[in-house]
């Protein structure tokens, strides 16, 4: 069993909390820390369909997902 002195946090959260006067003493109770990571994600297998305005691609590296963007459903950006 592993007893934690504080909840697991991301690198971004560590930056936010590093100078927090309430969190710092709790983190100092820890005898060690763990760094976890994930493989680099890559976008692969691009397919575009200009007729129906879609873009398909896959994400590789760790859990894989296939993505389909329907360009017509995206909010329009107003030009200034």
N, C-alpha and C. Protein backbone atom coordinates (compact mmCIF):
# COMPACT_ATOMS: atom_id res chain seq x y z
N UNK A 1 0.84 -1.18 0.00
CA UNK A 1 0.00 0.00 0.00
C UNK A 1 0.88 1.24 0.00
N UNK A 2 0.49 2.21 -0.79
CA UNK A 2 1.23 3.46 -0.88
C UNK A 2 0.40 4.56 -0.23
N UNK A 3 0.97 5.20 0.76
CA UNK A 3 0.27 6.31 1.42
C UNK A 3 0.81 7.62 0.86
N UNK A 4 -0.07 8.40 0.29
CA UNK A 4 0.34 9.66 -0.33
C UNK A 4 0.23 10.81 0.67
N UNK A 5 1.17 11.76 0.56
CA UNK A 5 1.09 12.95 1.40
C UNK A 5 0.23 14.02 0.74
N UNK A 6 0.03 13.88 -0.57
CA UNK A 6 -0.79 14.84 -1.31
C UNK A 6 -1.33 14.13 -2.54
N UNK A 7 -2.40 14.65 -3.09
CA UNK A 7 -3.00 14.07 -4.29
C UNK A 7 -2.02 14.09 -5.46
N UNK A 8 -2.08 13.11 -6.36
CA UNK A 8 -1.23 13.18 -7.55
C UNK A 8 -1.53 14.45 -8.33
N UNK A 9 -0.50 15.03 -8.95
CA UNK A 9 -0.70 16.28 -9.68
C UNK A 9 0.13 16.28 -10.95
N UNK A 10 -0.31 17.05 -11.90
CA UNK A 10 0.42 17.20 -13.16
C UNK A 10 1.58 18.18 -12.96
N UNK A 11 2.45 18.26 -13.95
CA UNK A 11 3.54 19.23 -13.89
C UNK A 11 3.00 20.64 -13.80
N UNK A 12 1.92 20.92 -14.53
CA UNK A 12 1.33 22.26 -14.50
C UNK A 12 0.83 22.60 -13.10
N UNK A 13 0.17 21.64 -12.46
CA UNK A 13 -0.31 21.87 -11.09
C UNK A 13 0.85 22.06 -10.12
N UNK A 14 1.93 21.34 -10.33
CA UNK A 14 3.10 21.50 -9.46
C UNK A 14 3.64 22.92 -9.55
N UNK A 15 3.65 23.48 -10.74
CA UNK A 15 4.10 24.87 -10.91
C UNK A 15 3.16 25.81 -10.17
N UNK A 16 1.87 25.57 -10.30
CA UNK A 16 0.89 26.44 -9.63
C UNK A 16 1.02 26.38 -8.11
N UNK A 17 1.26 25.16 -7.55
CA UNK A 17 1.24 24.96 -6.11
C UNK A 17 2.60 25.10 -5.43
N UNK A 18 3.70 25.21 -6.19
CA UNK A 18 5.03 25.14 -5.57
C UNK A 18 5.27 26.21 -4.52
N UNK A 19 4.67 27.37 -4.66
CA UNK A 19 4.87 28.44 -3.68
C UNK A 19 3.64 28.68 -2.80
N UNK A 20 2.70 27.76 -2.83
CA UNK A 20 1.48 27.89 -2.02
C UNK A 20 1.84 27.58 -0.57
N UNK A 21 1.64 28.52 0.35
CA UNK A 21 2.04 28.30 1.75
C UNK A 21 1.28 27.17 2.44
N UNK A 22 0.11 26.81 1.95
CA UNK A 22 -0.63 25.70 2.57
C UNK A 22 -0.19 24.34 2.03
N UNK A 23 0.24 24.31 0.79
CA UNK A 23 0.59 23.04 0.16
C UNK A 23 2.05 22.66 0.41
N UNK A 24 2.93 23.63 0.43
CA UNK A 24 4.37 23.36 0.55
C UNK A 24 4.72 22.48 1.75
N UNK A 25 4.21 22.74 2.95
CA UNK A 25 4.58 21.88 4.09
C UNK A 25 4.14 20.43 3.89
N UNK A 26 2.99 20.23 3.26
CA UNK A 26 2.53 18.87 3.00
C UNK A 26 3.47 18.15 2.05
N UNK A 27 3.89 18.84 0.98
CA UNK A 27 4.78 18.22 0.01
C UNK A 27 6.15 17.93 0.61
N UNK A 28 6.57 18.72 1.56
CA UNK A 28 7.88 18.48 2.20
C UNK A 28 7.88 17.22 3.05
N UNK A 29 6.71 16.69 3.40
CA UNK A 29 6.63 15.45 4.17
C UNK A 29 6.97 14.23 3.32
N UNK A 30 7.01 14.39 2.01
CA UNK A 30 7.25 13.27 1.12
C UNK A 30 8.73 12.89 1.11
N UNK A 31 9.00 11.58 1.13
CA UNK A 31 10.38 11.09 1.06
C UNK A 31 10.84 10.92 -0.39
N UNK A 32 9.93 10.86 -1.32
CA UNK A 32 10.30 10.69 -2.72
C UNK A 32 9.19 11.24 -3.61
N UNK A 33 9.51 11.37 -4.87
CA UNK A 33 8.49 11.79 -5.82
C UNK A 33 8.62 10.92 -7.07
N UNK A 34 7.58 10.90 -7.85
CA UNK A 34 7.53 10.06 -9.05
C UNK A 34 7.25 10.96 -10.24
N UNK A 35 7.97 10.72 -11.30
CA UNK A 35 7.70 11.42 -12.55
C UNK A 35 7.14 10.40 -13.53
N UNK A 36 5.97 10.66 -14.04
CA UNK A 36 5.36 9.78 -15.03
C UNK A 36 5.28 10.49 -16.36
N UNK A 37 5.21 9.75 -17.39
CA UNK A 37 5.12 10.35 -18.71
C UNK A 37 4.35 9.47 -19.66
N UNK A 38 4.19 9.94 -20.84
CA UNK A 38 3.52 9.17 -21.88
C UNK A 38 4.34 9.29 -23.15
N UNK A 39 4.14 8.39 -24.06
CA UNK A 39 4.87 8.50 -25.32
C UNK A 39 4.45 9.74 -26.10
N UNK A 40 5.29 10.16 -27.00
CA UNK A 40 4.97 11.30 -27.86
C UNK A 40 3.79 10.94 -28.76
N UNK A 41 2.82 11.83 -28.82
CA UNK A 41 1.66 11.61 -29.69
C UNK A 41 1.95 12.18 -31.08
N UNK A 42 1.49 11.46 -32.09
CA UNK A 42 1.67 11.91 -33.48
C UNK A 42 0.33 11.87 -34.20
N UNK A 43 0.12 12.84 -35.07
CA UNK A 43 -1.06 12.86 -35.92
C UNK A 43 -0.70 12.17 -37.22
N UNK A 44 -1.47 11.14 -37.59
CA UNK A 44 -1.15 10.34 -38.79
C UNK A 44 -2.40 10.10 -39.63
N UNK A 45 -2.18 9.56 -40.82
CA UNK A 45 -3.26 9.12 -41.71
C UNK A 45 -4.28 10.21 -42.02
N UNK A 46 -3.82 11.34 -42.50
CA UNK A 46 -4.72 12.44 -42.84
C UNK A 46 -5.51 12.13 -44.10
N UNK A 47 -6.80 12.41 -44.07
CA UNK A 47 -7.67 12.32 -45.24
C UNK A 47 -8.59 13.52 -45.20
N UNK A 48 -8.67 14.22 -46.33
CA UNK A 48 -9.60 15.34 -46.37
C UNK A 48 -10.59 15.12 -47.51
N UNK A 49 -11.78 15.61 -47.28
CA UNK A 49 -12.82 15.52 -48.30
C UNK A 49 -13.33 16.94 -48.53
N UNK A 50 -12.89 17.53 -49.62
CA UNK A 50 -13.27 18.92 -49.92
C UNK A 50 -14.75 19.05 -50.28
N UNK A 51 -15.34 17.95 -50.71
CA UNK A 51 -16.74 18.01 -51.13
C UNK A 51 -17.68 18.16 -49.94
N UNK A 52 -17.43 17.38 -48.88
CA UNK A 52 -18.30 17.49 -47.69
C UNK A 52 -17.60 18.19 -46.53
N UNK A 53 -16.43 18.75 -46.81
CA UNK A 53 -15.68 19.56 -45.83
C UNK A 53 -15.39 18.82 -44.53
N UNK A 54 -14.74 17.68 -44.65
CA UNK A 54 -14.33 16.94 -43.45
C UNK A 54 -12.83 16.66 -43.51
N UNK A 55 -12.26 16.49 -42.35
CA UNK A 55 -10.86 16.11 -42.21
C UNK A 55 -10.82 14.96 -41.22
N UNK A 56 -10.20 13.86 -41.62
CA UNK A 56 -10.03 12.70 -40.74
C UNK A 56 -8.55 12.49 -40.49
N UNK A 57 -8.21 12.08 -39.27
CA UNK A 57 -6.83 11.71 -38.95
C UNK A 57 -6.85 10.84 -37.71
N UNK A 58 -5.72 10.20 -37.45
CA UNK A 58 -5.58 9.35 -36.27
C UNK A 58 -4.50 9.93 -35.37
N UNK A 59 -4.58 9.61 -34.10
CA UNK A 59 -3.57 10.01 -33.13
C UNK A 59 -2.87 8.75 -32.67
N UNK A 60 -1.55 8.72 -32.80
CA UNK A 60 -0.76 7.54 -32.47
C UNK A 60 0.17 7.87 -31.31
N UNK A 61 0.38 6.90 -30.44
CA UNK A 61 1.27 7.10 -29.29
C UNK A 61 0.45 6.98 -28.03
N UNK A 62 0.40 5.82 -27.43
CA UNK A 62 -0.47 5.60 -26.29
C UNK A 62 -1.84 5.19 -26.80
N UNK A 63 -2.88 5.50 -26.05
CA UNK A 63 -4.22 5.16 -26.53
C UNK A 63 -4.46 5.86 -27.87
N UNK A 64 -4.95 5.12 -28.85
CA UNK A 64 -5.11 5.66 -30.20
C UNK A 64 -6.56 6.08 -30.42
N UNK A 65 -6.73 7.17 -31.12
CA UNK A 65 -8.06 7.67 -31.45
C UNK A 65 -8.10 8.06 -32.91
N UNK A 66 -9.26 7.89 -33.51
CA UNK A 66 -9.49 8.42 -34.85
C UNK A 66 -10.37 9.65 -34.70
N UNK A 67 -10.05 10.69 -35.41
CA UNK A 67 -10.74 11.97 -35.29
C UNK A 67 -11.36 12.33 -36.63
N UNK A 68 -12.58 12.86 -36.60
CA UNK A 68 -13.23 13.37 -37.80
C UNK A 68 -13.76 14.75 -37.48
N UNK A 69 -13.27 15.75 -38.21
CA UNK A 69 -13.73 17.12 -38.02
C UNK A 69 -14.66 17.49 -39.17
N UNK A 70 -15.84 17.93 -38.84
CA UNK A 70 -16.77 18.45 -39.83
C UNK A 70 -16.59 19.96 -39.84
N UNK A 71 -15.92 20.46 -40.86
CA UNK A 71 -15.55 21.87 -40.93
C UNK A 71 -16.79 22.77 -40.85
N UNK A 72 -17.90 22.32 -41.42
CA UNK A 72 -19.12 23.14 -41.41
C UNK A 72 -19.67 23.33 -40.00
N UNK A 73 -19.37 22.43 -39.08
CA UNK A 73 -19.91 22.55 -37.72
C UNK A 73 -19.06 23.43 -36.81
N UNK A 74 -17.88 23.84 -37.27
CA UNK A 74 -17.02 24.69 -36.44
C UNK A 74 -17.54 26.12 -36.45
N UNK A 75 -17.41 26.83 -35.33
CA UNK A 75 -17.86 28.24 -35.30
C UNK A 75 -17.05 29.09 -36.27
N UNK A 76 -17.72 30.00 -36.90
CA UNK A 76 -17.04 30.89 -37.85
C UNK A 76 -16.30 31.98 -37.09
N UNK A 77 -15.17 32.35 -37.61
CA UNK A 77 -14.40 33.45 -37.04
C UNK A 77 -14.74 34.72 -37.80
N UNK A 78 -15.08 35.73 -37.06
CA UNK A 78 -15.43 37.00 -37.69
C UNK A 78 -14.18 37.78 -38.01
N UNK A 79 -14.11 38.28 -39.21
CA UNK A 79 -12.96 39.10 -39.62
C UNK A 79 -13.16 40.51 -39.12
N UNK A 80 -12.06 41.12 -38.73
CA UNK A 80 -12.15 42.49 -38.20
C UNK A 80 -11.62 43.48 -39.19
